[in-house]
């Protein structure tokens, strides 16, 4: 409703912006302008459009959700510091220490992993002991984990160009990179709802799915050496990847969040931790909004994927296993929303559906890569 009112009365919205809002926007524009001036010669028209769109989206996000500004400031600032360190690391032991143990891409991602596990434990301690301090610590650790993930991804982007300009690419091209992206997006979605509803109790249910993703990431890192930066396969050498993959993982993250909130709903509905969790109405509202956001972005991602397929393979749809399971995921949540919005269904049935939906989503996300082959076989384990 707030978003609708903002669209109806845009002038009143802009009048509510203060000097810090405009300063934030100006800094992002200046940063994007610097990136354009330095790297614009290497961008095609579409990539320039993505840069403008990303800048606009981040401005809007920072105006709508102000805590994200500090995250971006820390992420971009530390990443620039890491890039500066790479420029003169030879013979400088202090620079080697920072990069090796703190802010190289692999180090930052390992710190992210550790912080997510600590956050999960803190949220559970806060839930069972009713400790505001432990719950607040869980929230701060989650923010810190997202910041380290952002630093890791940005520095990894730069590191890919250090190998070779031909190798350089945005780090969302393989399972290692997208699992980091998934953890960050899911955590950010949760942190938004945590702040919006002023409750930290949901973190004990949401963070375990992130921790599970981190567990896979760590196995994939050490067993398969997946942290090594590889050149893009020809099918991924497209600007479509820069918009299709993030949209897809906003969908995956939202659906995962909804499933874990569904677990919390089912526990509270049966009297398990009911006095410690938010009300059933709040849990149901979060579950509904998460699925709405996920469905919107997953729809956009599916359309973008079809357009990418037409360019890469000459057809919008080929019933490839990945495409087929993406359609199954879309139909699953379309039915969920239909039953809630049109039929007025509420309660544990939809909660169970969201939980089962996570299994469908998980197979589309990971199972297809493990057990099936097709045009997306470059993503196999």
Protein backbone atom coordinates (compact mmCIF):
# COMPACT_ATOMS: atom_id res chain seq x y z
CA UNK A 1 0.00 0.00 0.00
CA UNK A 2 2.82 2.41 0.82
CA UNK A 3 4.43 1.72 -2.54
CA UNK A 4 1.12 2.40 -4.33
CA UNK A 5 0.67 5.70 -2.49
CA UNK A 6 4.22 6.67 -3.41
CA UNK A 7 3.50 6.06 -7.08
CA UNK A 8 0.27 8.04 -6.87
CA UNK A 9 1.87 10.98 -5.07
CA UNK A 10 5.50 11.09 -6.25
CA UNK A 11 5.89 14.81 -5.54
CA UNK A 12 5.02 14.40 -1.87
CA UNK A 13 7.47 11.53 -1.66
CA UNK A 14 10.36 13.60 -3.05
CA UNK A 15 9.50 16.40 -0.64
CA UNK A 16 10.08 14.01 2.25
CA UNK A 17 13.67 13.38 1.17
CA UNK A 18 16.28 15.21 3.24
CA UNK A 19 19.85 16.27 2.55
CA UNK A 20 21.29 12.87 3.52
CA UNK A 21 19.01 11.16 0.99
CA UNK A 22 20.23 13.43 -1.78
CA UNK A 23 23.86 13.11 -0.67
CA UNK A 24 23.54 9.33 -0.83
CA UNK A 25 22.10 9.59 -4.35
CA UNK A 26 24.81 12.01 -5.48
CA UNK A 27 27.59 9.74 -4.20
CA UNK A 28 26.14 6.78 -6.08
CA UNK A 29 25.83 8.83 -9.26
CA UNK A 30 29.42 10.03 -8.90
CA UNK A 31 30.61 6.47 -8.33
CA UNK A 32 28.71 5.24 -11.37
CA UNK A 33 30.09 8.15 -13.38
CA UNK A 34 33.62 7.19 -12.38
CA UNK A 35 32.99 3.60 -13.41
CA UNK A 36 31.59 4.79 -16.72
CA UNK A 37 34.51 7.15 -17.37
CA UNK A 38 37.07 4.47 -16.59
CA UNK A 39 35.45 1.41 -18.11
CA UNK A 40 32.85 2.79 -20.51
CA UNK A 41 35.05 2.08 -23.50
CA UNK A 42 34.86 -1.62 -22.66
CA UNK A 43 31.06 -1.67 -22.29
CA UNK A 44 28.49 -2.20 -24.97
CA UNK A 45 25.18 -0.33 -25.03
CA UNK A 46 23.40 -2.96 -22.94
CA UNK A 47 26.06 -2.95 -20.22
CA UNK A 48 25.89 0.82 -20.01
CA UNK A 49 22.14 0.48 -19.55
CA UNK A 50 22.70 -2.08 -16.78
CA UNK A 51 25.07 0.36 -15.02
CA UNK A 52 22.45 3.12 -15.15
CA UNK A 53 19.73 0.75 -14.02
CA UNK A 54 21.83 -0.59 -11.13
CA UNK A 55 22.62 2.92 -9.95
CA UNK A 56 18.95 3.90 -10.10
CA UNK A 57 17.88 0.73 -8.28
CA UNK A 58 20.42 1.25 -5.50
CA UNK A 59 19.33 4.85 -5.05
CA UNK A 60 15.71 3.75 -4.76
CA UNK A 61 16.64 0.93 -2.39
CA UNK A 62 18.64 3.27 -0.16
CA UNK A 63 15.80 5.78 -0.04
CA UNK A 64 13.25 3.08 0.76
CA UNK A 65 15.40 1.12 3.23
CA UNK A 66 18.01 3.33 4.83
CA UNK A 67 20.04 0.67 6.71
CA UNK A 68 21.29 -0.61 3.36
CA UNK A 69 23.29 2.59 2.89
CA UNK A 70 25.86 1.63 5.51
CA UNK A 71 26.13 -1.83 3.95
CA UNK A 72 26.91 -0.31 0.54
CA UNK A 73 29.36 2.20 2.03
CA UNK A 74 31.27 -0.53 3.86
CA UNK A 75 31.13 -2.95 0.94
CA UNK A 76 32.28 -0.48 -1.71
CA UNK A 77 34.78 1.20 0.59
CA UNK A 78 36.55 -1.97 1.72
CA UNK A 79 36.49 -3.35 -1.82
CA UNK A 80 38.22 -0.23 -3.13
CA UNK A 81 40.78 -0.60 -0.33
CA UNK A 82 41.39 -4.20 -1.43
CA UNK A 83 41.83 -3.10 -5.04
CA UNK A 84 44.35 -0.50 -3.87
CA UNK A 85 46.22 -3.18 -1.94
CA UNK A 86 46.44 -5.35 -5.03
CA UNK A 87 48.08 -2.44 -6.84
CA UNK A 88 51.17 -2.52 -4.62
CA UNK A 89 51.23 -5.78 -2.76
CA UNK A 90 54.71 -6.92 -3.84
CA UNK A 91 57.14 -6.78 -0.93
CA UNK A 92 54.64 -5.21 1.48
CA UNK A 93 53.90 -7.66 4.29
CA UNK A 94 51.05 -5.64 5.81
CA UNK A 95 49.21 -5.59 2.50
CA UNK A 96 49.79 -9.31 2.09
CA UNK A 97 48.32 -9.88 5.57
CA UNK A 98 45.15 -7.90 4.81
CA UNK A 99 44.57 -9.65 1.52
CA UNK A 100 45.50 -13.15 2.64
CA UNK A 101 43.55 -13.20 5.88
CA UNK A 102 40.82 -10.57 5.60
CA UNK A 103 39.66 -9.09 2.31
CA UNK A 104 40.78 -11.13 -0.66
CA UNK A 105 37.68 -12.65 -2.19
CA UNK A 106 38.21 -16.09 -0.72
CA UNK A 107 39.08 -14.73 2.74
CA UNK A 108 36.05 -12.44 2.79
CA UNK A 109 33.73 -15.26 1.75
CA UNK A 110 35.16 -17.52 4.47
CA UNK A 111 34.54 -14.75 7.03
CA UNK A 112 31.01 -14.44 5.65
CA UNK A 113 30.49 -18.16 6.19
CA UNK A 114 31.74 -18.06 9.79
CA UNK A 115 29.61 -15.01 10.60
CA UNK A 116 26.45 -16.65 9.23
CA UNK A 117 27.03 -19.68 11.47
CA UNK A 118 27.61 -17.45 14.49
CA UNK A 119 24.46 -15.49 13.64
CA UNK A 120 22.42 -18.68 13.46
CA UNK A 121 23.60 -19.72 16.90
CA UNK A 122 22.93 -16.26 18.34
CA UNK A 123 19.38 -16.19 17.01
CA UNK A 124 18.62 -19.60 18.52
CA UNK A 125 20.11 -18.61 21.88
CA UNK A 126 18.04 -15.44 21.79
CA UNK A 127 14.88 -17.38 20.95
CA UNK A 128 15.22 -20.03 23.67
CA UNK A 129 16.59 -17.77 26.39
CA UNK A 130 14.45 -14.76 25.46
CA UNK A 131 17.67 -12.76 25.36
CA UNK A 132 17.37 -9.46 23.53
CA UNK A 133 21.16 -9.16 23.54
CA UNK A 134 21.69 -12.52 21.80
CA UNK A 135 19.00 -11.76 19.22
CA UNK A 136 20.45 -8.32 18.57
CA UNK A 137 23.90 -9.88 18.24
CA UNK A 138 22.47 -12.31 15.69
CA UNK A 139 21.15 -9.38 13.69
CA UNK A 140 24.49 -7.54 13.77
CA UNK A 141 26.36 -10.71 12.80
CA UNK A 142 23.99 -11.21 9.86
CA UNK A 143 24.59 -7.67 8.64
CA UNK A 144 28.34 -8.25 9.00
CA UNK A 145 28.11 -11.51 7.08
CA UNK A 146 26.29 -9.82 4.21
CA UNK A 147 28.91 -7.06 4.17
CA UNK A 148 31.74 -9.61 3.95
CA UNK A 149 29.88 -11.44 1.19
CA UNK A 150 29.49 -8.21 -0.76
CA UNK A 151 33.18 -7.43 -0.32
CA UNK A 152 34.10 -10.95 -1.41
CA UNK A 153 32.00 -10.73 -4.56
CA UNK A 154 33.25 -7.28 -5.56
CA UNK A 155 36.90 -8.19 -4.96
CA UNK A 156 36.44 -11.49 -6.82
CA UNK A 157 35.13 -9.48 -9.77
CA UNK A 158 38.35 -7.45 -9.76
CA UNK A 159 40.51 -10.55 -9.26
CA UNK A 160 39.04 -12.14 -12.38
CA UNK A 161 40.39 -9.21 -14.41
CA UNK A 162 43.80 -9.55 -12.76
CA UNK A 163 44.04 -13.02 -14.32
CA UNK A 164 43.27 -11.63 -17.77
CA UNK A 165 40.85 -9.09 -19.29
CA UNK A 166 39.40 -11.98 -21.30
CA UNK A 167 38.75 -13.97 -18.11
CA UNK A 168 37.22 -11.06 -16.17
CA UNK A 169 33.47 -11.31 -15.49
CA UNK A 170 30.81 -10.56 -12.92
CA UNK A 171 30.98 -13.33 -10.26
CA UNK A 172 27.58 -14.95 -10.75
CA UNK A 173 28.54 -17.60 -13.27
CA UNK A 174 28.87 -20.88 -11.33
CA UNK A 175 27.45 -22.68 -8.30
CA UNK A 176 30.14 -21.36 -5.96
CA UNK A 177 29.37 -17.75 -6.82
CA UNK A 178 25.60 -18.06 -6.89
CA UNK A 179 25.54 -19.78 -3.50
CA UNK A 180 27.25 -16.69 -2.08
CA UNK A 181 24.67 -14.59 -3.90
CA UNK A 182 21.83 -16.74 -2.56
CA UNK A 183 23.06 -16.40 1.04
CA UNK A 184 23.37 -12.62 0.74
CA UNK A 185 19.97 -12.11 -0.89
CA UNK A 186 18.11 -14.37 1.53
CA UNK A 187 19.76 -12.66 4.49
CA UNK A 188 18.94 -9.18 3.18
CA UNK A 189 15.31 -10.12 2.59
CA UNK A 190 15.09 -11.45 6.12
CA UNK A 191 16.79 -8.36 7.61
CA UNK A 192 14.25 -6.14 5.88
CA UNK A 193 11.31 -8.02 7.41
CA UNK A 194 13.09 -8.14 10.76
CA UNK A 195 13.29 -4.36 10.79
CA UNK A 196 9.84 -3.81 9.28
CA UNK A 197 8.07 -5.96 11.89
CA UNK A 198 10.50 -5.07 14.71
CA UNK A 199 11.04 -8.71 15.69
CA UNK A 200 14.19 -10.81 15.64
CA UNK A 201 12.62 -14.14 16.58
CA UNK A 202 12.17 -15.21 12.96
CA UNK A 203 15.93 -15.28 12.49
CA UNK A 204 16.21 -18.61 14.31
CA UNK A 205 14.17 -20.19 11.51
CA UNK A 206 15.48 -18.27 8.48
CA UNK A 207 19.22 -18.42 9.21
CA UNK A 208 19.40 -22.27 9.16
CA UNK A 209 18.54 -22.36 5.45
CA UNK A 210 21.38 -19.89 4.85
CA UNK A 211 23.68 -22.00 7.02
CA UNK A 212 22.74 -25.06 4.95
CA UNK A 213 23.69 -23.17 1.79
CA UNK A 214 26.98 -22.17 3.43
CA UNK A 215 27.61 -25.82 4.31
CA UNK A 216 27.25 -26.74 0.63
CA UNK A 217 29.45 -23.79 -0.31
CA UNK A 218 32.22 -24.94 2.04
CA UNK A 219 32.05 -28.52 0.74
CA UNK A 220 32.09 -27.23 -2.83
CA UNK A 221 35.03 -24.99 -1.99
CA UNK A 222 37.32 -27.54 -0.38
CA UNK A 223 36.27 -30.73 -2.16
CA UNK A 224 36.01 -29.33 -5.67
CA UNK A 225 38.33 -26.27 -5.44
CA UNK A 226 35.39 -24.25 -6.71
CA UNK A 227 36.87 -20.99 -5.42
CA UNK A 228 39.23 -20.92 -8.40
CA UNK A 229 38.18 -18.33 -10.97
CA UNK A 230 37.51 -19.88 -14.36
CA UNK A 231 36.84 -18.28 -17.77
CA UNK A 232 33.23 -18.09 -18.80
CA UNK A 233 31.94 -20.81 -21.07
CA UNK A 234 30.67 -19.37 -24.38
CA UNK A 235 26.98 -19.72 -23.41
CA UNK A 236 27.51 -17.38 -20.44
CA UNK A 237 29.43 -14.69 -22.31
CA UNK A 238 26.41 -12.44 -22.53
CA UNK A 239 25.13 -9.31 -20.85
CA UNK A 240 21.87 -11.21 -20.22
CA UNK A 241 23.62 -13.07 -17.39
CA UNK A 242 24.04 -9.82 -15.44
CA UNK A 243 20.27 -9.37 -15.09
CA UNK A 244 18.85 -12.88 -15.43
CA UNK A 245 20.84 -14.48 -12.60
CA UNK A 246 20.26 -11.80 -9.91
CA UNK A 247 16.53 -11.73 -10.66
CA UNK A 248 16.43 -15.52 -10.46
CA UNK A 249 18.12 -15.59 -7.07
CA UNK A 250 15.92 -12.92 -5.58
CA UNK A 251 13.17 -15.39 -6.42
CA UNK A 252 15.02 -18.36 -4.90
CA UNK A 253 15.89 -16.38 -1.78
CA UNK A 254 12.33 -15.18 -1.31
CA UNK A 255 10.88 -18.67 -1.71
CA UNK A 256 13.40 -20.06 0.79
CA UNK A 257 12.55 -17.31 3.28
CA UNK A 258 8.83 -18.04 2.87
CA UNK A 259 9.40 -21.76 3.47
CA UNK A 260 11.29 -21.18 6.71
CA UNK A 261 8.64 -18.72 7.90
CA UNK A 262 6.15 -21.45 7.03
CA UNK A 263 8.02 -23.79 9.39
CA UNK A 264 7.83 -21.14 12.12
CA UNK A 265 4.09 -20.73 11.45
CA UNK A 266 3.47 -24.47 11.74
CA UNK A 267 5.44 -24.64 15.00
CA UNK A 268 3.59 -21.68 16.51
CA UNK A 269 0.22 -23.01 15.32
CA UNK A 270 0.90 -26.23 17.24
CA UNK A 271 2.00 -24.39 20.36
CA UNK A 272 5.74 -24.99 19.81
CA UNK A 273 7.62 -21.81 20.77
CA UNK A 274 4.34 -19.97 20.27
CA UNK A 275 5.02 -17.52 23.11
CA UNK A 276 8.45 -16.72 21.70
CA UNK A 277 7.52 -16.24 18.04
CA UNK A 278 5.58 -13.38 16.42
CA UNK A 279 1.84 -13.79 16.01
CA UNK A 280 0.43 -16.13 13.36
CA UNK A 281 -0.87 -13.08 11.47
CA UNK A 282 2.63 -11.59 11.26
CA UNK A 283 4.18 -14.88 10.16
CA UNK A 284 1.50 -15.40 7.53
CA UNK A 285 1.97 -11.83 6.26
CA UNK A 286 5.73 -12.26 5.93
CA UNK A 287 5.25 -15.58 4.14
CA UNK A 288 2.77 -14.02 1.71
CA UNK A 289 4.91 -10.96 0.97
CA UNK A 290 8.03 -13.06 0.46
CA UNK A 291 6.24 -15.27 -2.06
CA UNK A 292 4.81 -12.21 -3.82
CA UNK A 293 8.29 -10.72 -4.21
CA UNK A 294 9.79 -14.04 -5.22
CA UNK A 295 7.07 -14.72 -7.77
CA UNK A 296 7.47 -11.28 -9.35
CA UNK A 297 11.24 -11.59 -9.72
CA UNK A 298 11.10 -15.23 -10.77
CA UNK A 299 8.62 -14.27 -13.50
CA UNK A 300 10.96 -11.52 -14.70
CA UNK A 301 13.91 -13.93 -14.58
CA UNK A 302 12.00 -16.55 -16.61
CA UNK A 303 11.13 -14.00 -19.28
CA UNK A 304 14.73 -12.76 -19.39
CA UNK A 305 15.94 -16.34 -19.61
CA UNK A 306 13.67 -17.00 -22.58
CA UNK A 307 15.00 -13.92 -24.36
CA UNK A 308 18.57 -14.99 -23.60
CA UNK A 309 17.82 -18.47 -24.94
CA UNK A 310 16.46 -17.00 -28.17
CA UNK A 311 19.70 -15.11 -28.66
CA UNK A 312 22.01 -17.97 -27.65
CA UNK A 313 20.21 -21.03 -29.01
CA UNK A 314 17.73 -19.64 -31.54
CA UNK A 315 14.53 -20.40 -29.62
CA UNK A 316 12.67 -18.98 -26.63
CA UNK A 317 11.85 -22.36 -25.11
CA UNK A 318 13.27 -25.84 -25.65
CA UNK A 319 11.91 -27.84 -22.69
CA UNK A 320 15.43 -28.19 -21.35
CA UNK A 321 15.30 -29.73 -17.81
CA UNK A 322 16.27 -26.42 -16.21
CA UNK A 323 13.56 -24.61 -18.14
CA UNK A 324 10.98 -27.28 -17.36
CA UNK A 325 11.66 -27.18 -13.64
CA UNK A 326 11.67 -23.39 -13.66
CA UNK A 327 8.16 -23.60 -15.12
CA UNK A 328 7.14 -26.08 -12.40
CA UNK A 329 8.40 -23.67 -9.72
CA UNK A 330 6.51 -20.80 -11.35
CA UNK A 331 3.27 -22.79 -11.58
CA UNK A 332 3.63 -23.93 -7.97
CA UNK A 333 3.77 -20.40 -6.59
CA UNK A 334 1.21 -19.10 -9.09
CA UNK A 335 -1.21 -21.67 -7.65
CA UNK A 336 -0.24 -20.65 -4.08
CA UNK A 337 -1.00 -17.00 -4.81
CA UNK A 338 -4.22 -17.87 -6.65
CA UNK A 339 -5.54 -19.81 -3.66
CA UNK A 340 -4.68 -17.00 -1.27
CA UNK A 341 -5.77 -14.00 -3.32
CA UNK A 342 -8.73 -15.40 -5.26
CA UNK A 343 -10.00 -18.20 -3.04
CA UNK A 344 -9.12 -16.51 0.24
CA UNK A 345 -7.32 -19.55 1.62
CA UNK A 346 -5.34 -18.99 4.82
CA UNK A 347 -3.68 -20.97 7.57
CA UNK A 348 -1.56 -24.11 7.82
CA UNK A 349 -2.38 -25.43 4.33
CA UNK A 350 -0.50 -22.54 2.73
CA UNK A 351 2.30 -22.87 5.28
CA UNK A 352 2.73 -26.54 4.40
CA UNK A 353 2.60 -25.62 0.72
CA UNK A 354 5.39 -23.08 1.13
CA UNK A 355 7.53 -25.68 2.92
CA UNK A 356 6.98 -28.29 0.20
CA UNK A 357 7.59 -25.54 -2.36
CA UNK A 358 11.12 -25.22 -1.01
CA UNK A 359 11.80 -28.83 -2.04
CA UNK A 360 10.53 -28.10 -5.55
CA UNK A 361 12.65 -24.94 -5.69
CA UNK A 362 15.70 -26.77 -4.35
CA UNK A 363 15.47 -29.38 -7.07
CA UNK A 364 15.11 -26.71 -9.75
CA UNK A 365 18.07 -24.82 -8.27
CA UNK A 366 20.44 -27.68 -7.49
CA UNK A 367 18.91 -31.07 -8.29
CA UNK A 368 18.72 -30.41 -12.02
CA UNK A 369 22.45 -29.67 -12.04
CA UNK A 370 23.18 -32.89 -10.12
CA UNK A 371 20.92 -35.42 -11.83
CA UNK A 372 19.87 -34.09 -15.24
CA UNK A 373 21.64 -32.79 -18.31
CA UNK A 374 20.73 -30.44 -21.08
CA UNK A 375 21.54 -27.02 -22.47
CA UNK A 376 22.36 -25.85 -18.93
CA UNK A 377 24.85 -28.68 -18.36
CA UNK A 378 27.68 -26.18 -17.83
CA UNK A 379 26.30 -25.76 -14.32
CA UNK A 380 26.63 -29.43 -13.31
CA UNK A 381 28.41 -30.43 -10.11
